[in-house]
Amino acid sequence: MTISIHDGVLVGYSANFLENELLLDIETVADEIVTVTFENYLAHYFDHVMAGSILFDIEEIDLNTFFEENKEQFESHKLYAWPIWYDDTNELEQFLQKNNYKCYVISASLGLSGYVFAKTQKIKRK
């Protein structure tokens, strides 16, 4: 049976930098707690972090498209070496592609939204 996070409420999230994992705990509309695990996690960027966030979807998006739409943001991030040291956004995009990172975009009906750079994502019941 497929696990749906649509309209699920974010219970919490944590990053483990030693294990390179980002975990999102979500209470689904079926009243189950599930964990979305981003493995081989590099970095994340979240906006509107708040209790009671209602998630709409987590979607893998093409890196080229993502960078075309967010170039200005990454131009400003490079001053802070985020998520890695890079001189221009093309260098960052090439690094992510060469190292098989994917971009997962998190959209919300309310609250937390953003994206995650990781190699894989899985959803599991607790």
PDB file of N, CA and C in Angstrom:
ATOM      1  N   MET A   1       0.843  -1.182   0.000  1.00  0.00           N
ATOM      2  CA  MET A   1       0.000   0.000   0.000  1.00  0.00           C
ATOM      3  C   MET A   1       0.888   1.246   0.000  1.00  0.00           C
ATOM      4  N   THR A   2       0.606   2.181  -0.865  1.00  0.00           N
ATOM      5  CA  THR A   2       1.381   3.404  -0.990  1.00  0.00           C
ATOM      6  C   THR A   2       1.110   4.325   0.198  1.00  0.00           C
ATOM      7  N   ILE A   3       2.166   4.932   0.701  1.00  0.00           N
ATOM      8  CA  ILE A   3       2.039   5.888   1.795  1.00  0.00           C
ATOM      9  C   ILE A   3       1.906   7.279   1.198  1.00  0.00           C
ATOM     10  N   SER A   4       0.867   7.991   1.599  1.00  0.00           N
ATOM     11  CA  SER A   4       0.658   9.348   1.111  1.00  0.00           C
ATOM     12  C   SER A   4       0.938  10.347   2.223  1.00  0.00           C
ATOM     13  N   ILE A   5       1.717  11.357   1.902  1.00  0.00           N
ATOM     14  CA  ILE A   5       1.976  12.432   2.869  1.00  0.00           C
ATOM     15  C   ILE A   5       1.097  13.645   2.579  1.00  0.00           C
ATOM     16  N   HIS A   6       0.309  13.589   1.513  1.00  0.00           N
ATOM     17  CA  HIS A   6      -0.543  14.715   1.133  1.00  0.00           C
ATOM     18  C   HIS A   6      -1.468  15.077   2.293  1.00  0.00           C
ATOM     19  N   ASP A   7      -1.464  16.337   2.677  1.00  0.00           N
ATOM     20  CA  ASP A   7      -2.236  16.865   3.797  1.00  0.00           C
ATOM     21  C   ASP A   7      -1.780  16.328   5.149  1.00  0.00           C
ATOM     22  N   GLY A   8      -0.593  15.717   5.173  1.00  0.00           N
ATOM     23  CA  GLY A   8      -0.031  15.268   6.440  1.00  0.00           C
ATOM     24  C   GLY A   8       0.521  16.450   7.230  1.00  0.00           C
ATOM     25  N   VAL A   9       0.512  16.310   8.544  1.00  0.00           N
ATOM     26  CA  VAL A   9       1.006  17.366   9.426  1.00  0.00           C
ATOM     27  C   VAL A   9       2.429  17.035   9.849  1.00  0.00           C
ATOM     28  N   LEU A  10       3.321  17.989   9.675  1.00  0.00           N
ATOM     29  CA  LEU A  10       4.715  17.805  10.068  1.00  0.00           C
ATOM     30  C   LEU A  10       4.804  17.759  11.593  1.00  0.00           C
ATOM     31  N   VAL A  11       5.315  16.658  12.117  1.00  0.00           N
ATOM     32  CA  VAL A  11       5.484  16.488  13.552  1.00  0.00           C
ATOM     33  C   VAL A  11       6.827  17.077  13.984  1.00  0.00           C
ATOM     34  N   GLY A  12       7.832  16.899  13.145  1.00  0.00           N
ATOM     35  CA  GLY A  12       9.158  17.423  13.433  1.00  0.00           C
ATOM     36  C   GLY A  12      10.142  16.978  12.374  1.00  0.00           C
ATOM     37  N   TYR A  13      11.339  17.548  12.445  1.00  0.00           N
ATOM     38  CA  TYR A  13      12.390  17.122  11.531  1.00  0.00           C
ATOM     39  C   TYR A  13      13.728  17.223  12.235  1.00  0.00           C
ATOM     40  N   SER A  14      14.700  16.444  11.725  1.00  0.00           N
ATOM     41  CA  SER A  14      16.045  16.479  12.298  1.00  0.00           C
ATOM     42  C   SER A  14      17.060  16.147  11.214  1.00  0.00           C
ATOM     43  N   ALA A  15      18.240  16.712  11.382  1.00  0.00           N
ATOM     44  CA  ALA A  15      19.359  16.436  10.483  1.00  0.00           C
ATOM     45  C   ALA A  15      20.449  15.748  11.291  1.00  0.00           C
ATOM     46  N   ASN A  16      20.978  14.666  10.744  1.00  0.00           N
ATOM     47  CA  ASN A  16      22.095  13.974  11.357  1.00  0.00           C
ATOM     48  C   ASN A  16      23.267  14.117  10.391  1.00  0.00           C
ATOM     49  N   PHE A  17      24.197  14.998  10.727  1.00  0.00           N
ATOM     50  CA  PHE A  17      25.307  15.280   9.826  1.00  0.00           C
ATOM     51  C   PHE A  17      26.344  14.162   9.803  1.00  0.00           C
ATOM     52  N   LEU A  18      26.412  13.354  10.858  1.00  0.00           N
ATOM     53  CA  LEU A  18      27.330  12.214  10.859  1.00  0.00           C
ATOM     54  C   LEU A  18      26.825  11.103   9.945  1.00  0.00           C
ATOM     55  N   GLU A  19      25.514  10.915   9.921  1.00  0.00           N
ATOM     56  CA  GLU A  19      24.905   9.878   9.082  1.00  0.00           C
ATOM     57  C   GLU A  19      24.473  10.407   7.720  1.00  0.00           C
ATOM     58  N   ASN A  20      24.605  11.719   7.508  1.00  0.00           N
ATOM     59  CA  ASN A  20      24.163  12.355   6.256  1.00  0.00           C
ATOM     60  C   ASN A  20      22.704  12.042   5.954  1.00  0.00           C
ATOM     61  N   GLU A  21      21.846  12.253   6.966  1.00  0.00           N
ATOM     62  CA  GLU A  21      20.418  12.010   6.816  1.00  0.00           C
ATOM     63  C   GLU A  21      19.614  13.206   7.310  1.00  0.00           C
ATOM     64  N   LEU A  22      18.512  13.446   6.623  1.00  0.00           N
ATOM     65  CA  LEU A  22      17.520  14.405   7.082  1.00  0.00           C
ATOM     66  C   LEU A  22      16.217  13.627   7.223  1.00  0.00           C
ATOM     67  N   LEU A  23      15.565  13.753   8.377  1.00  0.00           N
ATOM     68  CA  LEU A  23      14.342  13.003   8.662  1.00  0.00           C
ATOM     69  C   LEU A  23      13.181  13.970   8.877  1.00  0.00           C
ATOM     70  N   LEU A  24      12.063  13.678   8.249  1.00  0.00           N
ATOM     71  CA  LEU A  24      10.822  14.410   8.480  1.00  0.00           C
ATOM     72  C   LEU A  24       9.813  13.419   9.039  1.00  0.00           C
ATOM     73  N   ASP A  25       9.273  13.685  10.214  1.00  0.00           N
ATOM     74  CA  ASP A  25       8.204  12.864  10.776  1.00  0.00           C
ATOM     75  C   ASP A  25       6.886  13.562  10.471  1.00  0.00           C
ATOM     76  N   ILE A  26       5.950  12.781   9.921  1.00  0.00           N
ATOM     77  CA  ILE A  26       4.693  13.326   9.436  1.00  0.00           C
ATOM     78  C   ILE A  26       3.537  12.464   9.933  1.00  0.00           C
ATOM     79  N   GLU A  27       2.484  13.120  10.420  1.00  0.00           N
ATOM     80  CA  GLU A  27       1.254  12.406  10.757  1.00  0.00           C
ATOM     81  C   GLU A  27       0.338  12.494   9.544  1.00  0.00           C
ATOM     82  N   THR A  28       0.021  11.353   8.968  1.00  0.00           N
ATOM     83  CA  THR A  28      -0.787  11.314   7.748  1.00  0.00           C
ATOM     84  C   THR A  28      -2.266  11.501   8.071  1.00  0.00           C
ATOM     85  N   VAL A  29      -3.080  11.689   7.026  1.00  0.00           N
ATOM     86  CA  VAL A  29      -4.526  11.804   7.219  1.00  0.00           C
ATOM     87  C   VAL A  29      -5.115  10.489   7.718  1.00  0.00           C
ATOM     88  N   ALA A  30      -4.372   9.383   7.578  1.00  0.00           N
ATOM     89  CA  ALA A  30      -4.805   8.075   8.088  1.00  0.00           C
ATOM     90  C   ALA A  30      -4.351   7.882   9.545  1.00  0.00           C
ATOM     91  N   ASP A  31      -3.882   8.972  10.181  1.00  0.00           N
ATOM     92  CA  ASP A  31      -3.428   8.954  11.586  1.00  0.00           C
ATOM     93  C   ASP A  31      -2.245   8.012  11.836  1.00  0.00           C
ATOM     94  N   GLU A  32      -1.411   7.853  10.827  1.00  0.00           N
ATOM     95  CA  GLU A  32      -0.165   7.101  10.980  1.00  0.00           C
ATOM     96  C   GLU A  32       0.979   8.100  11.071  1.00  0.00           C
ATOM     97  N   ILE A  33       2.024   7.737  11.802  1.00  0.00           N
ATOM     98  CA  ILE A  33       3.243   8.533  11.792  1.00  0.00           C
ATOM     99  C   ILE A  33       4.203   7.848  10.826  1.00  0.00           C
ATOM    100  N   VAL A  34       4.681   8.615   9.851  1.00  0.00           N
ATOM    101  CA  VAL A  34       5.651   8.096   8.887  1.00  0.00           C
ATOM    102  C   VAL A  34       6.900   8.969   8.937  1.00  0.00           C
ATOM    103  N   THR A  35       7.988   8.385   8.512  1.00  0.00           N
ATOM    104  CA  THR A  35       9.236   9.134   8.430  1.00  0.00           C
ATOM    105  C   THR A  35       9.693   9.175   6.984  1.00  0.00           C
ATOM    106  N   VAL A  36       9.924  10.388   6.505  1.00  0.00           N
ATOM    107  CA  VAL A  36      10.547  10.577   5.195  1.00  0.00           C
ATOM    108  C   VAL A  36      12.022  10.771   5.478  1.00  0.00           C
ATOM    109  N   THR A  37      12.851   9.881   4.900  1.00  0.00           N
ATOM    110  CA  THR A  37      14.295   9.929   5.112  1.00  0.00           C
ATOM    111  C   THR A  37      14.978  10.325   3.816  1.00  0.00           C
ATOM    112  N   PHE A  38      15.780  11.373   3.899  1.00  0.00           N
ATOM    113  CA  PHE A  38      16.621  11.779   2.775  1.00  0.00           C
ATOM    114  C   PHE A  38      18.015  11.247   3.091  1.00  0.00           C
ATOM    115  N   GLU A  39      18.468  10.278   2.307  1.00  0.00           N
ATOM    116  CA  GLU A  39      19.761   9.633   2.539  1.00  0.00           C
ATOM    117  C   GLU A  39      20.834  10.283   1.680  1.00  0.00           C
ATOM    118  N   ASN A  40      22.071  10.185   2.175  1.00  0.00           N
ATOM    119  CA  ASN A  40      23.194  10.863   1.517  1.00  0.00           C
ATOM    120  C   ASN A  40      22.825  12.326   1.308  1.00  0.00           C
ATOM    121  N   TYR A  41      22.368  12.905   2.380  1.00  0.00           N
ATOM    122  CA  TYR A  41      21.869  14.268   2.438  1.00  0.00           C
ATOM    123  C   TYR A  41      23.040  15.247   2.414  1.00  0.00           C
ATOM    124  N   LEU A  42      22.913  16.299   1.607  1.00  0.00           N
ATOM    125  CA  LEU A  42      23.934  17.338   1.532  1.00  0.00           C
ATOM    126  C   LEU A  42      23.494  18.600   2.264  1.00  0.00           C
ATOM    127  N   ALA A  43      22.287  19.093   1.963  1.00  0.00           N
ATOM    128  CA  ALA A  43      21.824  20.349   2.561  1.00  0.00           C
ATOM    129  C   ALA A  43      20.327  20.495   2.338  1.00  0.00           C
ATOM    130  N   HIS A  44      19.732  21.392   3.124  1.00  0.00           N
ATOM    131  CA  HIS A  44      18.324  21.723   2.925  1.00  0.00           C
ATOM    132  C   HIS A  44      18.122  23.214   3.144  1.00  0.00           C
ATOM    133  N   TYR A  45      17.022  23.692   2.601  1.00  0.00           N
ATOM    134  CA  TYR A  45      16.636  25.094   2.770  1.00  0.00           C
ATOM    135  C   TYR A  45      15.133  25.104   3.005  1.00  0.00           C
ATOM    136  N   PHE A  46      14.728  25.518   4.213  1.00  0.00           N
ATOM    137  CA  PHE A  46      13.314  25.556   4.562  1.00  0.00           C
ATOM    138  C   PHE A  46      12.877  26.976   4.875  1.00  0.00           C
ATOM    139  N   ASP A  47      11.675  27.318   4.459  1.00  0.00           N
ATOM    140  CA  ASP A  47      11.009  28.574   4.807  1.00  0.00           C
ATOM    141  C   ASP A  47       9.756  28.245   5.602  1.00  0.00           C
ATOM    142  N   HIS A  48       9.289  29.215   6.350  1.00  0.00           N
ATOM    143  CA  HIS A  48       8.001  29.131   7.034  1.00  0.00           C
ATOM    144  C   HIS A  48       7.905  27.926   7.968  1.00  0.00           C
ATOM    145  N   VAL A  49       8.984  27.634   8.668  1.00  0.00           N
ATOM    146  CA  VAL A  49       9.011  26.505   9.601  1.00  0.00           C
ATOM    147  C   VAL A  49       8.119  26.838  10.784  1.00  0.00           C
ATOM    148  N   MET A  50       7.126  25.976  11.022  1.00  0.00           N
ATOM    149  CA  MET A  50       6.210  26.205  12.136  1.00  0.00           C
ATOM    150  C   MET A  50       5.501  24.913  12.523  1.00  0.00           C
ATOM    151  N   ALA A  51       5.081  24.858  13.767  1.00  0.00           N
ATOM    152  CA  ALA A  51       4.257  23.740  14.217  1.00  0.00           C
ATOM    153  C   ALA A  51       2.948  23.762  13.446  1.00  0.00           C
ATOM    154  N   GLY A  52       2.457  22.590  13.129  1.00  0.00           N
ATOM    155  CA  GLY A  52       1.193  22.500  12.413  1.00  0.00           C
ATOM    156  C   GLY A  52       1.311  22.637  10.911  1.00  0.00           C
ATOM    157  N   SER A  53       2.529  22.614  10.380  1.00  0.00           N
ATOM    158  CA  SER A  53       2.707  22.697   8.929  1.00  0.00           C
ATOM    159  C   SER A  53       1.975  21.542   8.256  1.00  0.00           C
ATOM    160  N   ILE A  54       1.251  21.860   7.194  1.00  0.00           N
ATOM    161  CA  ILE A  54       0.521  20.847   6.444  1.00  0.00           C
ATOM    162  C   ILE A  54       1.196  20.694   5.089  1.00  0.00           C
ATOM    163  N   LEU A  55       1.739  19.513   4.845  1.00  0.00           N
ATOM    164  CA  LEU A  55       2.495  19.274   3.616  1.00  0.00           C
ATOM    165  C   LEU A  55       1.565  18.947   2.457  1.00  0.00           C
ATOM    166  N   PHE A  56       1.910  19.448   1.324  1.00  0.00           N
ATOM    167  CA  PHE A  56       1.169  19.152   0.104  1.00  0.00           C
ATOM    168  C   PHE A  56       1.836  17.998  -0.639  1.00  0.00           C
ATOM    169  N   ASP A  57       3.180  18.123  -0.862  1.00  0.00           N
ATOM    170  CA  ASP A  57       3.878  17.097  -1.634  1.00  0.00           C
ATOM    171  C   ASP A  57       5.382  17.239  -1.470  1.00  0.00           C
ATOM    172  N   ILE A  58       6.091  16.162  -1.763  1.00  0.00           N
ATOM    173  CA  ILE A  58       7.547  16.176  -1.921  1.00  0.00           C
ATOM    174  C   ILE A  58       7.805  15.633  -3.314  1.00  0.00           C
ATOM    175  N   GLU A  59       8.418  16.459  -4.145  1.00  0.00           N
ATOM    176  CA  GLU A  59       8.588  16.110  -5.552  1.00  0.00           C
ATOM    177  C   GLU A  59      10.055  16.249  -5.956  1.00  0.00           C
ATOM    178  N   GLU A  60      10.562  15.231  -6.640  1.00  0.00           N
ATOM    179  CA  GLU A  60      11.906  15.347  -7.203  1.00  0.00           C
ATOM    180  C   GLU A  60      11.800  16.219  -8.442  1.00  0.00           C
ATOM    181  N   ILE A  61      12.670  17.226  -8.512  1.00  0.00           N
ATOM    182  CA  ILE A  61      12.626  18.162  -9.637  1.00  0.00           C
ATOM    183  C   ILE A  61      13.965  18.111 -10.378  1.00  0.00           C
ATOM    184  N   ASP A  62      13.910  18.315 -11.669  1.00  0.00           N
ATOM    185  CA  ASP A  62      15.101  18.334 -12.503  1.00  0.00           C
ATOM    186  C   ASP A  62      16.050  19.444 -12.051  1.00  0.00           C
ATOM    187  N   LEU A  63      17.334  19.099 -11.872  1.00  0.00           N
ATOM    188  CA  LEU A  63      18.307  20.087 -11.390  1.00  0.00           C
ATOM    189  C   LEU A  63      18.436  21.286 -12.321  1.00  0.00           C
ATOM    190  N   ASN A  64      18.441  21.051 -13.635  1.00  0.00           N
ATOM    191  CA  ASN A  64      18.561  22.170 -14.579  1.00  0.00           C
ATOM    192  C   ASN A  64      17.413  23.154 -14.401  1.00  0.00           C
ATOM    193  N   THR A  65      16.219  22.646 -14.329  1.00  0.00           N
ATOM    194  CA  THR A  65      15.039  23.488 -14.139  1.00  0.00           C
ATOM    195  C   THR A  65      15.122  24.228 -12.815  1.00  0.00           C
ATOM    196  N   PHE A  66      15.501  23.517 -11.757  1.00  0.00           N
ATOM    197  CA  PHE A  66      15.591  24.111 -10.432  1.00  0.00           C
ATOM    198  C   PHE A  66      16.586  25.274 -10.422  1.00  0.00           C
ATOM    199  N   PHE A  67      17.754  25.084 -11.033  1.00  0.00           N
ATOM    200  CA  PHE A  67      18.760  26.137 -11.034  1.00  0.00           C
ATOM    201  C   PHE A  67      18.366  27.316 -11.923  1.00  0.00           C
ATOM    202  N   GLU A  68      17.658  27.052 -13.013  1.00  0.00           N
ATOM    203  CA  GLU A  68      17.167  28.157 -13.842  1.00  0.00           C
ATOM    204  C   GLU A  68      16.223  29.045 -13.036  1.00  0.00           C
ATOM    205  N   GLU A  69      15.366  28.422 -12.229  1.00  0.00           N
ATOM    206  CA  GLU A  69      14.366  29.164 -11.463  1.00  0.00           C
ATOM    207  C   GLU A  69      14.933  29.820 -10.201  1.00  0.00           C
ATOM    208  N   ASN A  70      16.088  29.354  -9.728  1.00  0.00           N
ATOM    209  CA  ASN A  70      16.619  29.820  -8.438  1.00  0.00           C
ATOM    210  C   ASN A  70      18.035  30.375  -8.528  1.00  0.00           C
ATOM    211  N   LYS A  71      18.458  30.770  -9.700  1.00  0.00           N
ATOM    212  CA  LYS A  71      19.829  31.230  -9.909  1.00  0.00           C
ATOM    213  C   LYS A  71      20.216  32.384  -8.980  1.00  0.00           C
ATOM    214  N   GLU A  72      19.339  33.358  -8.828  1.00  0.00           N
ATOM    215  CA  GLU A  72      19.646  34.513  -7.965  1.00  0.00           C
ATOM    216  C   GLU A  72      19.899  34.082  -6.523  1.00  0.00           C
ATOM    217  N   GLN A  73      19.092  33.163  -6.050  1.00  0.00           N
ATOM    218  CA  GLN A  73      19.253  32.681  -4.679  1.00  0.00           C
ATOM    219  C   GLN A  73      20.634  32.052  -4.498  1.00  0.00           C
ATOM    220  N   PHE A  74      21.070  31.241  -5.445  1.00  0.00           N
ATOM    221  CA  PHE A  74      22.363  30.581  -5.307  1.00  0.00           C
ATOM    222  C   PHE A  74      23.530  31.531  -5.529  1.00  0.00           C
ATOM    223  N   GLU A  75      23.312  32.576  -6.300  1.00  0.00           N
ATOM    224  CA  GLU A  75      24.348  33.607  -6.424  1.00  0.00           C
ATOM    225  C   GLU A  75      24.594  34.250  -5.063  1.00  0.00           C
ATOM    226  N   SER A  76      23.560  34.490  -4.289  1.00  0.00           N
ATOM    227  CA  SER A  76      23.748  35.076  -2.955  1.00  0.00           C
ATOM    228  C   SER A  76      24.273  34.060  -1.944  1.00  0.00           C
ATOM    229  N   HIS A  77      23.936  32.788  -2.102  1.00  0.00           N
ATOM    230  CA  HIS A  77      24.409  31.750  -1.172  1.00  0.00           C
ATOM    231  C   HIS A  77      25.907  31.486  -1.308  1.00  0.00           C
ATOM    232  N   LYS A  78      26.462  31.710  -2.483  1.00  0.00           N
ATOM    233  CA  LYS A  78      27.874  31.367  -2.683  1.00  0.00           C
ATOM    234  C   LYS A  78      28.798  32.179  -1.773  1.00  0.00           C
ATOM    235  N   LEU A  79      28.355  33.350  -1.342  1.00  0.00           N
ATOM    236  CA  LEU A  79      29.150  34.145  -0.414  1.00  0.00           C
ATOM    237  C   LEU A  79      29.330  33.451   0.931  1.00  0.00           C
ATOM    238  N   TYR A  80      28.438  32.506   1.213  1.00  0.00           N
ATOM    239  CA  TYR A  80      28.463  31.770   2.479  1.00  0.00           C
ATOM    240  C   TYR A  80      28.906  30.320   2.300  1.00  0.00           C
ATOM    241  N   ALA A  81      29.394  29.978   1.104  1.00  0.00           N
ATOM    242  CA  ALA A  81      29.846  28.617   0.792  1.00  0.00           C
ATOM    243  C   ALA A  81      28.742  27.603   1.068  1.00  0.00           C
ATOM    244  N   TRP A  82      27.527  27.966   0.681  1.00  0.00           N
ATOM    245  CA  TRP A  82      26.393  27.071   0.913  1.00  0.00           C
ATOM    246  C   TRP A  82      25.799  26.618  -0.397  1.00  0.00           C
ATOM    247  N   PRO A  83      25.592  25.339  -0.616  1.00  0.00           N
ATOM    248  CA  PRO A  83      25.860  24.235   0.299  1.00  0.00           C
ATOM    249  C   PRO A  83      27.298  23.705   0.247  1.00  0.00           C
ATOM    250  N   ILE A  84      28.063  24.176  -0.724  1.00  0.00           N
ATOM    251  CA  ILE A  84      29.502  23.849  -0.826  1.00  0.00           C
ATOM    252  C   ILE A  84      30.197  25.125  -1.307  1.00  0.00           C
ATOM    253  N   TRP A  85      31.525  25.100  -1.344  1.00  0.00           N
ATOM    254  CA  TRP A  85      32.259  26.212  -1.969  1.00  0.00           C
ATOM    255  C   TRP A  85      32.070  26.117  -3.473  1.00  0.00           C
ATOM    256  N   TYR A  86      31.705  27.234  -4.124  1.00  0.00           N
ATOM    257  CA  TYR A  86      31.599  27.281  -5.582  1.00  0.00           C
ATOM    258  C   TYR A  86      31.758  28.720  -6.048  1.00  0.00           C
ATOM    259  N   ASP A  87      32.257  28.870  -7.267  1.00  0.00           N
ATOM    260  CA  ASP A  87      32.463  30.201  -7.833  1.00  0.00           C
ATOM    261  C   ASP A  87      31.250  30.711  -8.603  1.00  0.00           C
ATOM    262  N   ASP A  88      30.523  29.792  -9.236  1.00  0.00           N
ATOM    263  CA  ASP A  88      29.298  30.185  -9.925  1.00  0.00           C
ATOM    264  C   ASP A  88      28.293  29.044  -9.860  1.00  0.00           C
ATOM    265  N   THR A  89      27.056  29.349 -10.176  1.00  0.00           N
ATOM    266  CA  THR A  89      25.997  28.356 -10.018  1.00  0.00           C
ATOM    267  C   THR A  89      26.178  27.149 -10.933  1.00  0.00           C
ATOM    268  N   ASN A  90      26.816  27.356 -12.093  1.00  0.00           N
ATOM    269  CA  ASN A  90      27.086  26.215 -12.977  1.00  0.00           C
ATOM    270  C   ASN A  90      27.996  25.202 -12.300  1.00  0.00           C
ATOM    271  N   GLU A  91      28.984  25.690 -11.565  1.00  0.00           N
ATOM    272  CA  GLU A  91      29.890  24.797 -10.847  1.00  0.00           C
ATOM    273  C   GLU A  91      29.131  23.982  -9.792  1.00  0.00           C
ATOM    274  N   LEU A  92      28.238  24.625  -9.078  1.00  0.00           N
ATOM    275  CA  LEU A  92      27.428  23.926  -8.067  1.00  0.00           C
ATOM    276  C   LEU A  92      26.531  22.885  -8.734  1.00  0.00           C
ATOM    277  N   GLU A  93      25.868  23.274  -9.777  1.00  0.00           N
ATOM    278  CA  GLU A  93      24.975  22.347 -10.484  1.00  0.00           C
ATOM    279  C   GLU A  93      25.746  21.141 -11.020  1.00  0.00           C
ATOM    280  N   GLN A  94      26.927  21.365 -11.580  1.00  0.00           N
ATOM    281  CA  GLN A  94      27.751  20.264 -12.087  1.00  0.00           C
ATOM    282  C   GLN A  94      28.193  19.333 -10.963  1.00  0.00           C
ATOM    283  N   PHE A  95      28.549  19.907  -9.802  1.00  0.00           N
ATOM    284  CA  PHE A  95      28.924  19.097  -8.649  1.00  0.00           C
ATOM    285  C   PHE A  95      27.770  18.179  -8.241  1.00  0.00           C
ATOM    286  N   LEU A  96      26.579  18.747  -8.157  1.00  0.00           N
ATOM    287  CA  LEU A  96      25.414  17.952  -7.750  1.00  0.00           C
ATOM    288  C   LEU A  96      25.130  16.841  -8.757  1.00  0.00           C
ATOM    289  N   GLN A  97      25.188  17.159 -10.042  1.00  0.00           N
ATOM    290  CA  GLN A  97      24.934  16.149 -11.074  1.00  0.00           C
ATOM    291  C   GLN A  97      26.012  15.066 -11.076  1.00  0.00           C
ATOM    292  N   LYS A  98      27.263  15.474 -11.017  1.00  0.00           N
ATOM    293  CA  LYS A  98      28.386  14.522 -11.045  1.00  0.00           C
ATOM    294  C   LYS A  98      28.324  13.560  -9.854  1.00  0.00           C
ATOM    295  N   ASN A  99      27.849  14.055  -8.713  1.00  0.00           N
ATOM    296  CA  ASN A  99      27.803  13.242  -7.499  1.00  0.00           C
ATOM    297  C   ASN A  99      26.425  12.628  -7.242  1.00  0.00           C
ATOM    298  N   ASN A 100      25.570  12.653  -8.267  1.00  0.00           N
ATOM    299  CA  ASN A 100      24.261  11.990  -8.238  1.00  0.00           C
ATOM    300  C   ASN A 100      23.308  12.511  -7.171  1.00  0.00           C
ATOM    301  N   TYR A 101      23.389  13.806  -6.858  1.00  0.00           N
ATOM    302  CA  TYR A 101      22.426  14.402  -5.937  1.00  0.00           C
ATOM    303  C   TYR A 101      21.160  14.728  -6.701  1.00  0.00           C
ATOM    304  N   LYS A 102      20.055  14.681  -5.983  1.00  0.00           N
ATOM    305  CA  LYS A 102      18.756  15.058  -6.536  1.00  0.00           C
ATOM    306  C   LYS A 102      18.226  16.224  -5.717  1.00  0.00           C
ATOM    307  N   CYS A 103      17.289  16.929  -6.303  1.00  0.00           N
ATOM    308  CA  CYS A 103      16.638  18.031  -5.604  1.00  0.00           C
ATOM    309  C   CYS A 103      15.192  17.642  -5.337  1.00  0.00           C
ATOM    310  N   TYR A 104      14.829  17.615  -4.053  1.00  0.00           N
ATOM    311  CA  TYR A 104      13.471  17.303  -3.636  1.00  0.00           C
ATOM    312  C   TYR A 104      12.818  18.584  -3.137  1.00  0.00           C
ATOM    313  N   VAL A 105      11.751  18.993  -3.795  1.00  0.00           N
ATOM    314  CA  VAL A 105      11.042  20.218  -3.431  1.00  0.00           C
ATOM    315  C   VAL A 105       9.858  19.845  -2.543  1.00  0.00           C
ATOM    316  N   ILE A 106       9.778  20.507  -1.398  1.00  0.00           N
ATOM    317  CA  ILE A 106       8.698  20.277  -0.447  1.00  0.00           C
ATOM    318  C   ILE A 106       7.739  21.451  -0.551  1.00  0.00           C
ATOM    319  N   SER A 107       6.497  21.143  -0.892  1.00  0.00           N
ATOM    320  CA  SER A 107       5.480  22.196  -0.962  1.00  0.00           C
ATOM    321  C   SER A 107       4.465  21.960   0.146  1.00  0.00           C
ATOM    322  N   ALA A 108       3.871  23.039   0.586  1.00  0.00           N
ATOM    323  CA  ALA A 108       2.952  22.956   1.712  1.00  0.00           C
ATOM    324  C   ALA A 108       1.653  23.688   1.423  1.00  0.00           C
ATOM    325  N   SER A 109       0.611  23.202   2.053  1.00  0.00           N
ATOM    326  CA  SER A 109      -0.649  23.935   2.058  1.00  0.00           C
ATOM    327  C   SER A 109      -0.582  25.032   3.114  1.00  0.00           C
ATOM    328  N   LEU A 110       0.226  24.784   4.147  1.00  0.00           N
ATOM    329  CA  LEU A 110       0.403  25.723   5.242  1.00  0.00           C
ATOM    330  C   LEU A 110       1.756  25.456   5.884  1.00  0.00           C
ATOM    331  N   GLY A 111       2.564  26.475   6.032  1.00  0.00           N
ATOM    332  CA  GLY A 111       3.814  26.336   6.778  1.00  0.00           C
ATOM    333  C   GLY A 111       5.000  25.906   5.939  1.00  0.00           C
ATOM    334  N   LEU A 112       5.781  24.979   6.473  1.00  0.00           N
ATOM    335  CA  LEU A 112       7.089  24.608   5.957  1.00  0.00           C
ATOM    336  C   LEU A 112       7.085  24.280   4.473  1.00  0.00           C
ATOM    337  N   SER A 113       7.993  24.912   3.764  1.00  0.00           N
ATOM    338  CA  SER A 113       8.253  24.594   2.362  1.00  0.00           C
ATOM    339  C   SER A 113       9.749  24.761   2.137  1.00  0.00           C
ATOM    340  N   GLY A 114      10.239  24.233   1.024  1.00  0.00           N
ATOM    341  CA  GLY A 114      11.658  24.368   0.726  1.00  0.00           C
ATOM    342  C   GLY A 114      12.151  23.250  -0.156  1.00  0.00           C
ATOM    343  N   TYR A 115      13.427  22.917  -0.001  1.00  0.00           N
ATOM    344  CA  TYR A 115      14.014  21.867  -0.821  1.00  0.00           C
ATOM    345  C   TYR A 115      15.154  21.185  -0.080  1.00  0.00           C
ATOM    346  N   VAL A 116      15.485  19.990  -0.575  1.00  0.00           N
ATOM    347  CA  VAL A 116      16.536  19.168   0.014  1.00  0.00           C
ATOM    348  C   VAL A 116      17.410  18.648  -1.122  1.00  0.00           C
ATOM    349  N   PHE A 117      18.727  18.703  -0.924  1.00  0.00           N
ATOM    350  CA  PHE A 117      19.663  18.036  -1.823  1.00  0.00           C
ATOM    351  C   PHE A 117      20.099  16.744  -1.139  1.00  0.00           C
ATOM    352  N   ALA A 118      19.772  15.625  -1.761  1.00  0.00           N
ATOM    353  CA  ALA A 118      20.123  14.311  -1.231  1.00  0.00           C
ATOM    354  C   ALA A 118      20.177  13.338  -2.405  1.00  0.00           C
ATOM    355  N   LYS A 119      20.727  12.166  -2.164  1.00  0.00           N
ATOM    356  CA  LYS A 119      20.821  11.184  -3.247  1.00  0.00           C
ATOM    357  C   LYS A 119      19.570  10.323  -3.349  1.00  0.00           C
ATOM    358  N   THR A 120      18.925  10.031  -2.221  1.00  0.00           N
ATOM    359  CA  THR A 120      17.709   9.218  -2.250  1.00  0.00           C
ATOM    360  C   THR A 120      16.728   9.689  -1.196  1.00  0.00           C
ATOM    361  N   GLN A 121      15.492   9.283  -1.395  1.00  0.00           N
ATOM    362  CA  GLN A 121      14.421   9.579  -0.446  1.00  0.00           C
ATOM    363  C   GLN A 121      13.589   8.314  -0.272  1.00  0.00           C
ATOM    364  N   LYS A 122      13.181   8.034   0.962  1.00  0.00           N
ATOM    365  CA  LYS A 122      12.276   6.914   1.195  1.00  0.00           C
ATOM    366  C   LYS A 122      11.283   7.305   2.291  1.00  0.00           C
ATOM    367  N   ILE A 123      10.118   6.669   2.247  1.00  0.00           N
ATOM    368  CA  ILE A 123       9.075   6.906   3.238  1.00  0.00           C
ATOM    369  C   ILE A 123       8.764   5.577   3.908  1.00  0.00           C
ATOM    370  N   LYS A 124       8.716   5.619   5.251  1.00  0.00           N
ATOM    371  CA  LYS A 124       8.513   4.391   6.000  1.00  0.00           C
ATOM    372  C   LYS A 124       7.594   4.662   7.192  1.00  0.00           C
ATOM    373  N   ARG A 125       6.729   3.704   7.462  1.00  0.00           N
ATOM    374  CA  ARG A 125       5.893   3.796   8.664  1.00  0.00           C
ATOM    375  C   ARG A 125       6.756   3.595   9.887  1.00  0.00           C
ATOM    376  N   LYS A 126       6.419   4.293  10.952  1.00  0.00           N
ATOM    377  CA  LYS A 126       7.166   4.142  12.211  1.00  0.00           C
ATOM    378  C   LYS A 126       6.711   2.921  12.946  1.00  0.00           C
TER     379      LYS A 126
END
